[in-house]
Every structure is written in structure tokens, then in C-alpha cells.
């Protein structure tokens, strides 16, 4: 099966969030993390080795960081469980609907 590359960005609401792969050593040395969402720049940084390896771990990482973006955009801080789950589901569905390149990448890595 042909490898599909992670898209350069995803659209969420009226935002265009950049997806940037960075060196795995930098991820570990700076924050001991595999990815991070930065709301001011609307950038998601992702551990390059994990993304290049692909598979469900890569999908989980990207989805995790996208959900941080949803949490920020939807202003879910301090909301109750039902509001949080509703916001996450609604916006994640929007992401899948409006980002076919991301969906192709995700499905390619889950198969």
C-alpha cells in the first residue's frame, strides 16, 4: 500500500492549523513530549519519528493534538462533561468533513 503523507495543515472552524514534524530528540529534550498544540500560532508540533513510523500510534498522536485545538477553539475549560464531549464530537466531525487529506492519511495509517 502506498504511504500517504501527513497533510501540512488541518482546517478547524475558521482556523488553519499547521502540522509540523520536528526532530524526535528536540521533542524529548524540550518537553519530554511527543506533540504539542500552540494556540497563538495555531501550530501542532509532532514527533517526526512517530509520524514517519505511521500506524495507529501516529494517528493517536495527531488526533490527541487536534483535540487540544478543539478544546481551545471551543473554549471548553471549566465546562461539564456533556458540553466537552459534545464540543469534541461536533468539531472532530467537522475536521473529518473538511479535511479529506487528513482523513486519507488517518485511514491509510489505521489499515
PDB file of N, CA and C in Angstrom:
ATOM      1  N   UNK A   1       0.840  -1.172   0.000  1.00  0.00           N
ATOM      2  CA  UNK A   1       0.000   0.000   0.000  1.00  0.00           C
ATOM      3  C   UNK A   1       0.890   1.243   0.000  1.00  0.00           C
ATOM      4  N   UNK A   2       0.552   2.219  -0.817  1.00  0.00           N
ATOM      5  CA  UNK A   2       1.310   3.456  -0.923  1.00  0.00           C
ATOM      6  C   UNK A   2       1.142   4.299   0.332  1.00  0.00           C
ATOM      7  N   UNK A   3       2.265   4.807   0.845  1.00  0.00           N
ATOM      8  CA  UNK A   3       2.223   5.656   2.032  1.00  0.00           C
ATOM      9  C   UNK A   3       1.664   7.026   1.680  1.00  0.00           C
ATOM     10  N   UNK A   4       0.730   7.485   2.485  1.00  0.00           N
ATOM     11  CA  UNK A   4       0.150   8.814   2.308  1.00  0.00           C
ATOM     12  C   UNK A   4       0.782   9.733   3.340  1.00  0.00           C
ATOM     13  N   UNK A   5       1.276  10.872   2.897  1.00  0.00           N
ATOM     14  CA  UNK A   5       1.940  11.813   3.791  1.00  0.00           C
ATOM     15  C   UNK A   5       0.924  12.591   4.615  1.00  0.00           C
ATOM     16  N   UNK A   6       1.318  12.925   5.825  1.00  0.00           N
ATOM     17  CA  UNK A   6       0.516  13.785   6.689  1.00  0.00           C
ATOM     18  C   UNK A   6       0.344  15.134   5.991  1.00  0.00           C
ATOM     19  N   UNK A   7      -0.885  15.676   5.954  1.00  0.00           N
ATOM     20  CA  UNK A   7      -1.066  16.977   5.310  1.00  0.00           C
ATOM     21  C   UNK A   7      -0.328  18.080   6.071  1.00  0.00           C
ATOM     22  N   UNK A   8      -0.120  19.211   5.412  1.00  0.00           N
ATOM     23  CA  UNK A   8       0.589  20.339   6.016  1.00  0.00           C
ATOM     24  C   UNK A   8      -0.263  21.079   7.036  1.00  0.00           C
ATOM     25  N   UNK A   9      -1.574  20.927   6.955  1.00  0.00           N
ATOM     26  CA  UNK A   9      -2.461  21.632   7.877  1.00  0.00           C
ATOM     27  C   UNK A   9      -3.811  20.937   7.935  1.00  0.00           C
ATOM     28  N   UNK A  10      -4.591  21.281   8.963  1.00  0.00           N
ATOM     29  CA  UNK A  10      -5.998  20.917   9.027  1.00  0.00           C
ATOM     30  C   UNK A  10      -6.794  22.187   9.274  1.00  0.00           C
ATOM     31  N   UNK A  11      -8.000  22.197   8.743  1.00  0.00           N
ATOM     32  CA  UNK A  11      -8.903  23.323   8.979  1.00  0.00           C
ATOM     33  C   UNK A  11      -9.824  22.977  10.144  1.00  0.00           C
ATOM     34  N   UNK A  12      -9.967  23.923  11.054  1.00  0.00           N
ATOM     35  CA  UNK A  12     -10.862  23.794  12.195  1.00  0.00           C
ATOM     36  C   UNK A  12     -11.555  25.126  12.357  1.00  0.00           C
ATOM     37  N   UNK A  13     -12.879  25.127  12.171  1.00  0.00           N
ATOM     38  CA  UNK A  13     -13.647  26.361  12.188  1.00  0.00           C
ATOM     39  C   UNK A  13     -13.022  27.282  11.147  1.00  0.00           C
ATOM     40  N   UNK A  14     -12.682  28.494  11.506  1.00  0.00           N
ATOM     41  CA  UNK A  14     -12.073  29.401  10.531  1.00  0.00           C
ATOM     42  C   UNK A  14     -10.545  29.415  10.635  1.00  0.00           C
ATOM     43  N   UNK A  15      -9.987  28.482  11.387  1.00  0.00           N
ATOM     44  CA  UNK A  15      -8.541  28.397  11.577  1.00  0.00           C
ATOM     45  C   UNK A  15      -7.908  27.404  10.603  1.00  0.00           C
ATOM     46  N   UNK A  16      -6.661  27.664  10.305  1.00  0.00           N
ATOM     47  CA  UNK A  16      -5.823  26.750   9.519  1.00  0.00           C
ATOM     48  C   UNK A  16      -4.656  26.384  10.425  1.00  0.00           C
ATOM     49  N   UNK A  17      -4.681  25.163  10.938  1.00  0.00           N
ATOM     50  CA  UNK A  17      -3.683  24.739  11.919  1.00  0.00           C
ATOM     51  C   UNK A  17      -2.574  23.971  11.201  1.00  0.00           C
ATOM     52  N   UNK A  18      -1.350  24.487  11.288  1.00  0.00           N
ATOM     53  CA  UNK A  18      -0.206  23.847  10.650  1.00  0.00           C
ATOM     54  C   UNK A  18       0.182  22.594  11.426  1.00  0.00           C
ATOM     55  N   UNK A  19       0.536  21.548  10.698  1.00  0.00           N
ATOM     56  CA  UNK A  19       1.047  20.310  11.281  1.00  0.00           C
ATOM     57  C   UNK A  19       2.526  20.231  10.915  1.00  0.00           C
ATOM     58  N   UNK A  20       3.383  20.369  11.915  1.00  0.00           N
ATOM     59  CA  UNK A  20       4.823  20.429  11.671  1.00  0.00           C
ATOM     60  C   UNK A  20       5.520  19.286  12.403  1.00  0.00           C
ATOM     61  N   UNK A  21       6.268  18.489  11.633  1.00  0.00           N
ATOM     62  CA  UNK A  21       7.059  17.417  12.225  1.00  0.00           C
ATOM     63  C   UNK A  21       8.389  18.010  12.692  1.00  0.00           C
ATOM     64  N   UNK A  22       8.784  17.658  13.925  1.00  0.00           N
ATOM     65  CA  UNK A  22      10.080  18.113  14.417  1.00  0.00           C
ATOM     66  C   UNK A  22      10.891  16.924  14.911  1.00  0.00           C
ATOM     67  N   UNK A  23      12.181  17.118  14.936  1.00  0.00           N
ATOM     68  CA  UNK A  23      13.115  16.082  15.338  1.00  0.00           C
ATOM     69  C   UNK A  23      12.728  15.491  16.683  1.00  0.00           C
ATOM     70  N   UNK A  24      12.746  14.196  16.768  1.00  0.00           N
ATOM     71  CA  UNK A  24      12.342  13.484  17.981  1.00  0.00           C
ATOM     72  C   UNK A  24      13.185  13.857  19.193  1.00  0.00           C
ATOM     73  N   UNK A  25      14.469  14.094  18.982  1.00  0.00           N
ATOM     74  CA  UNK A  25      15.339  14.471  20.091  1.00  0.00           C
ATOM     75  C   UNK A  25      14.936  15.831  20.663  1.00  0.00           C
ATOM     76  N   UNK A  26      14.531  16.735  19.798  1.00  0.00           N
ATOM     77  CA  UNK A  26      14.080  18.054  20.253  1.00  0.00           C
ATOM     78  C   UNK A  26      12.804  17.897  21.072  1.00  0.00           C
ATOM     79  N   UNK A  27      11.875  17.079  20.596  1.00  0.00           N
ATOM     80  CA  UNK A  27      10.633  16.838  21.348  1.00  0.00           C
ATOM     81  C   UNK A  27      10.944  16.375  22.763  1.00  0.00           C
ATOM     82  N   UNK A  28      11.866  15.442  22.878  1.00  0.00           N
ATOM     83  CA  UNK A  28      12.185  14.878  24.184  1.00  0.00           C
ATOM     84  C   UNK A  28      12.952  15.879  25.049  1.00  0.00           C
ATOM     85  N   UNK A  29      13.956  16.536  24.466  1.00  0.00           N
ATOM     86  CA  UNK A  29      14.807  17.438  25.243  1.00  0.00           C
ATOM     87  C   UNK A  29      14.045  18.666  25.740  1.00  0.00           C
ATOM     88  N   UNK A  30      13.149  19.199  24.935  1.00  0.00           N
ATOM     89  CA  UNK A  30      12.434  20.420  25.324  1.00  0.00           C
ATOM     90  C   UNK A  30      11.318  20.128  26.310  1.00  0.00           C
ATOM     91  N   UNK A  31      10.512  19.145  26.029  1.00  0.00           N
ATOM     92  CA  UNK A  31       9.356  18.954  26.893  1.00  0.00           C
ATOM     93  C   UNK A  31       9.009  17.527  27.224  1.00  0.00           C
ATOM     94  N   UNK A  32       9.869  16.596  26.845  1.00  0.00           N
ATOM     95  CA  UNK A  32       9.562  15.187  27.053  1.00  0.00           C
ATOM     96  C   UNK A  32       8.142  14.868  26.592  1.00  0.00           C
ATOM     97  N   UNK A  33       7.834  15.338  25.397  1.00  0.00           N
ATOM     98  CA  UNK A  33       6.501  15.117  24.845  1.00  0.00           C
ATOM     99  C   UNK A  33       6.613  14.674  23.399  1.00  0.00           C
ATOM    100  N   UNK A  34       5.527  14.098  22.900  1.00  0.00           N
ATOM    101  CA  UNK A  34       5.508  13.609  21.530  1.00  0.00           C
ATOM    102  C   UNK A  34       4.867  14.607  20.576  1.00  0.00           C
ATOM    103  N   UNK A  35       4.137  15.548  21.113  1.00  0.00           N
ATOM    104  CA  UNK A  35       3.493  16.566  20.303  1.00  0.00           C
ATOM    105  C   UNK A  35       3.005  17.697  21.182  1.00  0.00           C
ATOM    106  N   UNK A  36       2.677  18.815  20.547  1.00  0.00           N
ATOM    107  CA  UNK A  36       2.131  19.941  21.304  1.00  0.00           C
ATOM    108  C   UNK A  36       1.367  20.873  20.374  1.00  0.00           C
ATOM    109  N   UNK A  37       0.302  21.452  20.936  1.00  0.00           N
ATOM    110  CA  UNK A  37      -0.524  22.430  20.227  1.00  0.00           C
ATOM    111  C   UNK A  37      -0.215  23.811  20.784  1.00  0.00           C
ATOM    112  N   UNK A  38      -0.013  24.767  19.887  1.00  0.00           N
ATOM    113  CA  UNK A  38       0.292  26.147  20.283  1.00  0.00           C
ATOM    114  C   UNK A  38      -0.762  27.072  19.691  1.00  0.00           C
ATOM    115  N   UNK A  39      -1.628  27.567  20.574  1.00  0.00           N
ATOM    116  CA  UNK A  39      -2.798  28.322  20.134  1.00  0.00           C
ATOM    117  C   UNK A  39      -2.451  29.666  19.512  1.00  0.00           C
ATOM    118  N   UNK A  40      -1.432  30.327  19.997  1.00  0.00           N
ATOM    119  CA  UNK A  40      -1.100  31.660  19.472  1.00  0.00           C
ATOM    120  C   UNK A  40      -0.737  31.593  17.985  1.00  0.00           C
ATOM    121  N   UNK A  41       0.055  30.586  17.619  1.00  0.00           N
ATOM    122  CA  UNK A  41       0.477  30.431  16.217  1.00  0.00           C
ATOM    123  C   UNK A  41      -0.410  29.475  15.428  1.00  0.00           C
ATOM    124  N   UNK A  42      -1.312  28.772  16.122  1.00  0.00           N
ATOM    125  CA  UNK A  42      -2.132  27.728  15.505  1.00  0.00           C
ATOM    126  C   UNK A  42      -1.248  26.717  14.781  1.00  0.00           C
ATOM    127  N   UNK A  43      -0.348  26.140  15.577  1.00  0.00           N
ATOM    128  CA  UNK A  43       0.595  25.133  15.088  1.00  0.00           C
ATOM    129  C   UNK A  43       0.522  23.912  15.999  1.00  0.00           C
ATOM    130  N   UNK A  44       0.589  22.741  15.373  1.00  0.00           N
ATOM    131  CA  UNK A  44       0.768  21.488  16.105  1.00  0.00           C
ATOM    132  C   UNK A  44       2.130  20.938  15.705  1.00  0.00           C
ATOM    133  N   UNK A  45       2.992  20.751  16.720  1.00  0.00           N
ATOM    134  CA  UNK A  45       4.292  20.129  16.507  1.00  0.00           C
ATOM    135  C   UNK A  45       4.174  18.652  16.838  1.00  0.00           C
ATOM    136  N   UNK A  46       4.773  17.815  15.987  1.00  0.00           N
ATOM    137  CA  UNK A  46       4.645  16.365  16.118  1.00  0.00           C
ATOM    138  C   UNK A  46       6.010  15.692  16.011  1.00  0.00           C
ATOM    139  N   UNK A  47       6.217  14.684  16.827  1.00  0.00           N
ATOM    140  CA  UNK A  47       7.450  13.901  16.816  1.00  0.00           C
ATOM    141  C   UNK A  47       7.609  13.240  15.445  1.00  0.00           C
ATOM    142  N   UNK A  48       8.648  13.630  14.756  1.00  0.00           N
ATOM    143  CA  UNK A  48       8.899  13.175  13.387  1.00  0.00           C
ATOM    144  C   UNK A  48       9.001  11.655  13.277  1.00  0.00           C
ATOM    145  N   UNK A  49       9.697  11.025  14.215  1.00  0.00           N
ATOM    146  CA  UNK A  49       9.867   9.565  14.154  1.00  0.00           C
ATOM    147  C   UNK A  49       8.523   8.839  14.264  1.00  0.00           C
ATOM    148  N   UNK A  50       7.665   9.314  15.154  1.00  0.00           N
ATOM    149  CA  UNK A  50       6.355   8.676  15.328  1.00  0.00           C
ATOM    150  C   UNK A  50       5.526   8.823  14.056  1.00  0.00           C
ATOM    151  N   UNK A  51       5.515  10.016  13.485  1.00  0.00           N
ATOM    152  CA  UNK A  51       4.722  10.244  12.263  1.00  0.00           C
ATOM    153  C   UNK A  51       5.271   9.415  11.110  1.00  0.00           C
ATOM    154  N   UNK A  52       6.581   9.365  10.962  1.00  0.00           N
ATOM    155  CA  UNK A  52       7.177   8.591   9.868  1.00  0.00           C
ATOM    156  C   UNK A  52       6.960   7.091  10.046  1.00  0.00           C
ATOM    157  N   UNK A  53       6.947   6.624  11.280  1.00  0.00           N
ATOM    158  CA  UNK A  53       6.669   5.206  11.545  1.00  0.00           C
ATOM    159  C   UNK A  53       5.235   4.867  11.153  1.00  0.00           C
ATOM    160  N   UNK A  54       4.327   5.807  11.359  1.00  0.00           N
ATOM    161  CA  UNK A  54       2.927   5.622  10.975  1.00  0.00           C
ATOM    162  C   UNK A  54       2.191   4.692  11.910  1.00  0.00           C
ATOM    163  N   UNK A  55       1.069   4.187  11.437  1.00  0.00           N
ATOM    164  CA  UNK A  55       0.259   3.278  12.219  1.00  0.00           C
ATOM    165  C   UNK A  55      -0.641   3.994  13.212  1.00  0.00           C
ATOM    166  N   UNK A  56      -1.254   3.195  14.068  1.00  0.00           N
ATOM    167  CA  UNK A  56      -2.248   3.739  14.985  1.00  0.00           C
ATOM    168  C   UNK A  56      -1.642   4.683  16.028  1.00  0.00           C
ATOM    169  N   UNK A  57      -0.369   4.503  16.366  1.00  0.00           N
ATOM    170  CA  UNK A  57       0.261   5.403  17.332  1.00  0.00           C
ATOM    171  C   UNK A  57       0.383   6.805  16.738  1.00  0.00           C
ATOM    172  N   UNK A  58       0.728   6.898  15.468  1.00  0.00           N
ATOM    173  CA  UNK A  58       0.800   8.202  14.802  1.00  0.00           C
ATOM    174  C   UNK A  58      -0.580   8.850  14.730  1.00  0.00           C
ATOM    175  N   UNK A  59      -1.591   8.071  14.397  1.00  0.00           N
ATOM    176  CA  UNK A  59      -2.964   8.590  14.331  1.00  0.00           C
ATOM    177  C   UNK A  59      -3.390   9.100  15.700  1.00  0.00           C
ATOM    178  N   UNK A  60      -3.113   8.314  16.728  1.00  0.00           N
ATOM    179  CA  UNK A  60      -3.476   8.705  18.087  1.00  0.00           C
ATOM    180  C   UNK A  60      -2.801  10.024  18.472  1.00  0.00           C
ATOM    181  N   UNK A  61      -1.529  10.184  18.134  1.00  0.00           N
ATOM    182  CA  UNK A  61      -0.791  11.406  18.454  1.00  0.00           C
ATOM    183  C   UNK A  61      -1.413  12.624  17.761  1.00  0.00           C
ATOM    184  N   UNK A  62      -1.660  12.507  16.468  1.00  0.00           N
ATOM    185  CA  UNK A  62      -2.231  13.642  15.726  1.00  0.00           C
ATOM    186  C   UNK A  62      -3.623  13.966  16.244  1.00  0.00           C
ATOM    187  N   UNK A  63      -4.436  12.956  16.447  1.00  0.00           N
ATOM    188  CA  UNK A  63      -5.790  13.176  16.956  1.00  0.00           C
ATOM    189  C   UNK A  63      -5.752  13.834  18.337  1.00  0.00           C
ATOM    190  N   UNK A  64      -4.845  13.382  19.195  1.00  0.00           N
ATOM    191  CA  UNK A  64      -4.697  13.950  20.535  1.00  0.00           C
ATOM    192  C   UNK A  64      -4.428  15.453  20.455  1.00  0.00           C
ATOM    193  N   UNK A  65      -3.494  15.840  19.595  1.00  0.00           N
ATOM    194  CA  UNK A  65      -3.155  17.266  19.480  1.00  0.00           C
ATOM    195  C   UNK A  65      -4.279  18.064  18.815  1.00  0.00           C
ATOM    196  N   UNK A  66      -4.969  17.474  17.859  1.00  0.00           N
ATOM    197  CA  UNK A  66      -6.120  18.149  17.252  1.00  0.00           C
ATOM    198  C   UNK A  66      -7.201  18.390  18.304  1.00  0.00           C
ATOM    199  N   UNK A  67      -7.395  17.426  19.191  1.00  0.00           N
ATOM    200  CA  UNK A  67      -8.407  17.605  20.236  1.00  0.00           C
ATOM    201  C   UNK A  67      -8.009  18.695  21.232  1.00  0.00           C
ATOM    202  N   UNK A  68      -6.718  18.919  21.435  1.00  0.00           N
ATOM    203  CA  UNK A  68      -6.295  20.088  22.218  1.00  0.00           C
ATOM    204  C   UNK A  68      -6.733  21.369  21.511  1.00  0.00           C
ATOM    205  N   UNK A  69      -6.593  21.388  20.186  1.00  0.00           N
ATOM    206  CA  UNK A  69      -7.031  22.564  19.419  1.00  0.00           C
ATOM    207  C   UNK A  69      -8.539  22.763  19.539  1.00  0.00           C
ATOM    208  N   UNK A  70      -9.302  21.685  19.463  1.00  0.00           N
ATOM    209  CA  UNK A  70     -10.753  21.774  19.629  1.00  0.00           C
ATOM    210  C   UNK A  70     -11.077  22.335  21.015  1.00  0.00           C
ATOM    211  N   UNK A  71     -10.407  21.831  22.037  1.00  0.00           N
ATOM    212  CA  UNK A  71     -10.629  22.297  23.411  1.00  0.00           C
ATOM    213  C   UNK A  71     -10.408  23.806  23.494  1.00  0.00           C
ATOM    214  N   UNK A  72      -9.364  24.286  22.837  1.00  0.00           N
ATOM    215  CA  UNK A  72      -9.058  25.719  22.832  1.00  0.00           C
ATOM    216  C   UNK A  72     -10.099  26.514  22.040  1.00  0.00           C
ATOM    217  N   UNK A  73     -10.358  26.098  20.805  1.00  0.00           N
ATOM    218  CA  UNK A  73     -11.275  26.836  19.926  1.00  0.00           C
ATOM    219  C   UNK A  73     -12.680  26.882  20.514  1.00  0.00           C
ATOM    220  N   UNK A  74     -13.119  25.783  21.069  1.00  0.00           N
ATOM    221  CA  UNK A  74     -14.472  25.685  21.625  1.00  0.00           C
ATOM    222  C   UNK A  74     -14.570  26.266  23.039  1.00  0.00           C
ATOM    223  N   UNK A  75     -13.437  26.687  23.607  1.00  0.00           N
ATOM    224  CA  UNK A  75     -13.380  27.271  24.950  1.00  0.00           C
ATOM    225  C   UNK A  75     -14.049  26.352  25.979  1.00  0.00           C
ATOM    226  N   UNK A  76     -13.521  25.135  26.082  1.00  0.00           N
ATOM    227  CA  UNK A  76     -14.138  24.119  26.920  1.00  0.00           C
ATOM    228  C   UNK A  76     -13.614  24.092  28.358  1.00  0.00           C
ATOM    229  N   UNK A  77     -12.659  24.934  28.665  1.00  0.00           N
ATOM    230  CA  UNK A  77     -12.129  24.994  30.034  1.00  0.00           C
ATOM    231  C   UNK A  77     -13.264  25.236  31.028  1.00  0.00           C
ATOM    232  N   UNK A  78     -13.370  24.369  32.035  1.00  0.00           N
ATOM    233  CA  UNK A  78     -14.371  24.528  33.075  1.00  0.00           C
ATOM    234  C   UNK A  78     -15.774  24.071  32.719  1.00  0.00           C
ATOM    235  N   UNK A  79     -15.960  23.542  31.536  1.00  0.00           N
ATOM    236  CA  UNK A  79     -17.286  23.064  31.121  1.00  0.00           C
ATOM    237  C   UNK A  79     -17.562  21.689  31.723  1.00  0.00           C
ATOM    238  N   UNK A  80     -18.829  21.312  31.723  1.00  0.00           N
ATOM    239  CA  UNK A  80     -19.179  19.986  32.239  1.00  0.00           C
ATOM    240  C   UNK A  80     -18.907  18.919  31.171  1.00  0.00           C
ATOM    241  N   UNK A  81     -18.947  17.676  31.600  1.00  0.00           N
ATOM    242  CA  UNK A  81     -18.590  16.559  30.730  1.00  0.00           C
ATOM    243  C   UNK A  81     -19.401  16.537  29.437  1.00  0.00           C
ATOM    244  N   UNK A  82     -20.698  16.736  29.527  1.00  0.00           N
ATOM    245  CA  UNK A  82     -21.545  16.664  28.325  1.00  0.00           C
ATOM    246  C   UNK A  82     -21.181  17.763  27.328  1.00  0.00           C
ATOM    247  N   UNK A  83     -20.912  18.966  27.805  1.00  0.00           N
ATOM    248  CA  UNK A  83     -20.509  20.058  26.913  1.00  0.00           C
ATOM    249  C   UNK A  83     -19.169  19.764  26.251  1.00  0.00           C
ATOM    250  N   UNK A  84     -18.238  19.196  27.025  1.00  0.00           N
ATOM    251  CA  UNK A  84     -16.916  18.862  26.470  1.00  0.00           C
ATOM    252  C   UNK A  84     -17.038  17.787  25.402  1.00  0.00           C
ATOM    253  N   UNK A  85     -17.749  16.719  25.712  1.00  0.00           N
ATOM    254  CA  UNK A  85     -17.901  15.615  24.755  1.00  0.00           C
ATOM    255  C   UNK A  85     -18.640  16.095  23.509  1.00  0.00           C
ATOM    256  N   UNK A  86     -19.687  16.890  23.684  1.00  0.00           N
ATOM    257  CA  UNK A  86     -20.432  17.418  22.548  1.00  0.00           C
ATOM    258  C   UNK A  86     -19.541  18.290  21.665  1.00  0.00           C
ATOM    259  N   UNK A  87     -18.769  19.171  22.278  1.00  0.00           N
ATOM    260  CA  UNK A  87     -17.867  20.031  21.509  1.00  0.00           C
ATOM    261  C   UNK A  87     -16.814  19.245  20.765  1.00  0.00           C
ATOM    262  N   UNK A  88     -16.246  18.252  21.426  1.00  0.00           N
ATOM    263  CA  UNK A  88     -15.222  17.423  20.788  1.00  0.00           C
ATOM    264  C   UNK A  88     -15.807  16.658  19.595  1.00  0.00           C
ATOM    265  N   UNK A  89     -16.951  16.028  19.804  1.00  0.00           N
ATOM    266  CA  UNK A  89     -17.563  15.234  18.733  1.00  0.00           C
ATOM    267  C   UNK A  89     -17.941  16.110  17.541  1.00  0.00           C
ATOM    268  N   UNK A  90     -18.567  17.235  17.816  1.00  0.00           N
ATOM    269  CA  UNK A  90     -19.006  18.127  16.737  1.00  0.00           C
ATOM    270  C   UNK A  90     -17.830  18.640  15.926  1.00  0.00           C
ATOM    271  N   UNK A  91     -16.808  19.126  16.609  1.00  0.00           N
ATOM    272  CA  UNK A  91     -15.674  19.698  15.871  1.00  0.00           C
ATOM    273  C   UNK A  91     -14.795  18.630  15.239  1.00  0.00           C
ATOM    274  N   UNK A  92     -14.687  17.458  15.858  1.00  0.00           N
ATOM    275  CA  UNK A  92     -13.896  16.412  15.208  1.00  0.00           C
ATOM    276  C   UNK A  92     -14.601  15.928  13.934  1.00  0.00           C
ATOM    277  N   UNK A  93     -15.917  15.866  13.970  1.00  0.00           N
ATOM    278  CA  UNK A  93     -16.674  15.528  12.764  1.00  0.00           C
ATOM    279  C   UNK A  93     -16.450  16.591  11.690  1.00  0.00           C
ATOM    280  N   UNK A  94     -16.443  17.848  12.096  1.00  0.00           N
ATOM    281  CA  UNK A  94     -16.168  18.947  11.157  1.00  0.00           C
ATOM    282  C   UNK A  94     -14.776  18.796  10.545  1.00  0.00           C
ATOM    283  N   UNK A  95     -13.801  18.451  11.372  1.00  0.00           N
ATOM    284  CA  UNK A  95     -12.439  18.262  10.872  1.00  0.00           C
ATOM    285  C   UNK A  95     -12.402  17.160   9.818  1.00  0.00           C
ATOM    286  N   UNK A  96     -13.048  16.042  10.097  1.00  0.00           N
ATOM    287  CA  UNK A  96     -13.063  14.948   9.127  1.00  0.00           C
ATOM    288  C   UNK A  96     -13.795  15.338   7.847  1.00  0.00           C
ATOM    289  N   UNK A  97     -14.866  16.080   7.979  1.00  0.00           N
ATOM    290  CA  UNK A  97     -15.635  16.500   6.802  1.00  0.00           C
ATOM    291  C   UNK A  97     -14.858  17.486   5.930  1.00  0.00           C
ATOM    292  N   UNK A  98     -14.120  18.391   6.559  1.00  0.00           N
ATOM    293  CA  UNK A  98     -13.476  19.475   5.821  1.00  0.00           C
ATOM    294  C   UNK A  98     -12.003  19.247   5.499  1.00  0.00           C
ATOM    295  N   UNK A  99     -11.473  18.083   5.866  1.00  0.00           N
ATOM    296  CA  UNK A  99     -10.056  17.800   5.644  1.00  0.00           C
ATOM    297  C   UNK A  99      -9.858  16.402   5.063  1.00  0.00           C
ATOM    298  N   UNK A 100     -10.243  16.208   3.797  1.00  0.00           N
ATOM    299  CA  UNK A 100     -10.145  14.873   3.200  1.00  0.00           C
ATOM    300  C   UNK A 100      -8.715  14.328   3.146  1.00  0.00           C
ATOM    301  N   UNK A 101      -7.713  15.192   3.029  1.00  0.00           N
ATOM    302  CA  UNK A 101      -6.326  14.703   3.019  1.00  0.00           C
ATOM    303  C   UNK A 101      -5.953  14.109   4.372  1.00  0.00           C
ATOM    304  N   UNK A 102      -6.418  14.748   5.439  1.00  0.00           N
ATOM    305  CA  UNK A 102      -6.179  14.216   6.785  1.00  0.00           C
ATOM    306  C   UNK A 102      -6.888  12.873   6.946  1.00  0.00           C
ATOM    307  N   UNK A 103      -8.121  12.765   6.495  1.00  0.00           N
ATOM    308  CA  UNK A 103      -8.878  11.510   6.620  1.00  0.00           C
ATOM    309  C   UNK A 103      -8.195  10.392   5.842  1.00  0.00           C
ATOM    310  N   UNK A 104      -7.716  10.689   4.626  1.00  0.00           N
ATOM    311  CA  UNK A 104      -6.995   9.680   3.839  1.00  0.00           C
ATOM    312  C   UNK A 104      -5.737   9.219   4.583  1.00  0.00           C
ATOM    313  N   UNK A 105      -4.992  10.185   5.145  1.00  0.00           N
ATOM    314  CA  UNK A 105      -3.793   9.837   5.903  1.00  0.00           C
ATOM    315  C   UNK A 105      -4.165   8.958   7.096  1.00  0.00           C
ATOM    316  N   UNK A 106      -5.202   9.352   7.823  1.00  0.00           N
ATOM    317  CA  UNK A 106      -5.623   8.617   9.014  1.00  0.00           C
ATOM    318  C   UNK A 106      -6.021   7.180   8.644  1.00  0.00           C
ATOM    319  N   UNK A 107      -6.870   7.021   7.650  1.00  0.00           N
ATOM    320  CA  UNK A 107      -7.328   5.687   7.257  1.00  0.00           C
ATOM    321  C   UNK A 107      -6.178   4.829   6.731  1.00  0.00           C
ATOM    322  N   UNK A 108      -5.258   5.452   5.991  1.00  0.00           N
ATOM    323  CA  UNK A 108      -4.095   4.722   5.493  1.00  0.00           C
ATOM    324  C   UNK A 108      -3.255   4.176   6.640  1.00  0.00           C
ATOM    325  N   UNK A 109      -3.162   4.930   7.722  1.00  0.00           N
ATOM    326  CA  UNK A 109      -2.361   4.505   8.863  1.00  0.00           C
ATOM    327  C   UNK A 109      -3.099   3.551   9.788  1.00  0.00           C
ATOM    328  N   UNK A 110      -4.395   3.477   9.674  1.00  0.00           N
ATOM    329  CA  UNK A 110      -5.166   2.546  10.509  1.00  0.00           C
ATOM    330  C   UNK A 110      -5.350   1.193   9.841  1.00  0.00           C
ATOM    331  N   UNK A 111      -5.039   1.100   8.547  1.00  0.00           N
ATOM    332  CA  UNK A 111      -5.174  -0.163   7.817  1.00  0.00           C
ATOM    333  C   UNK A 111      -3.861  -0.880   7.672  1.00  0.00           C
TER     334      UNK A 111
END
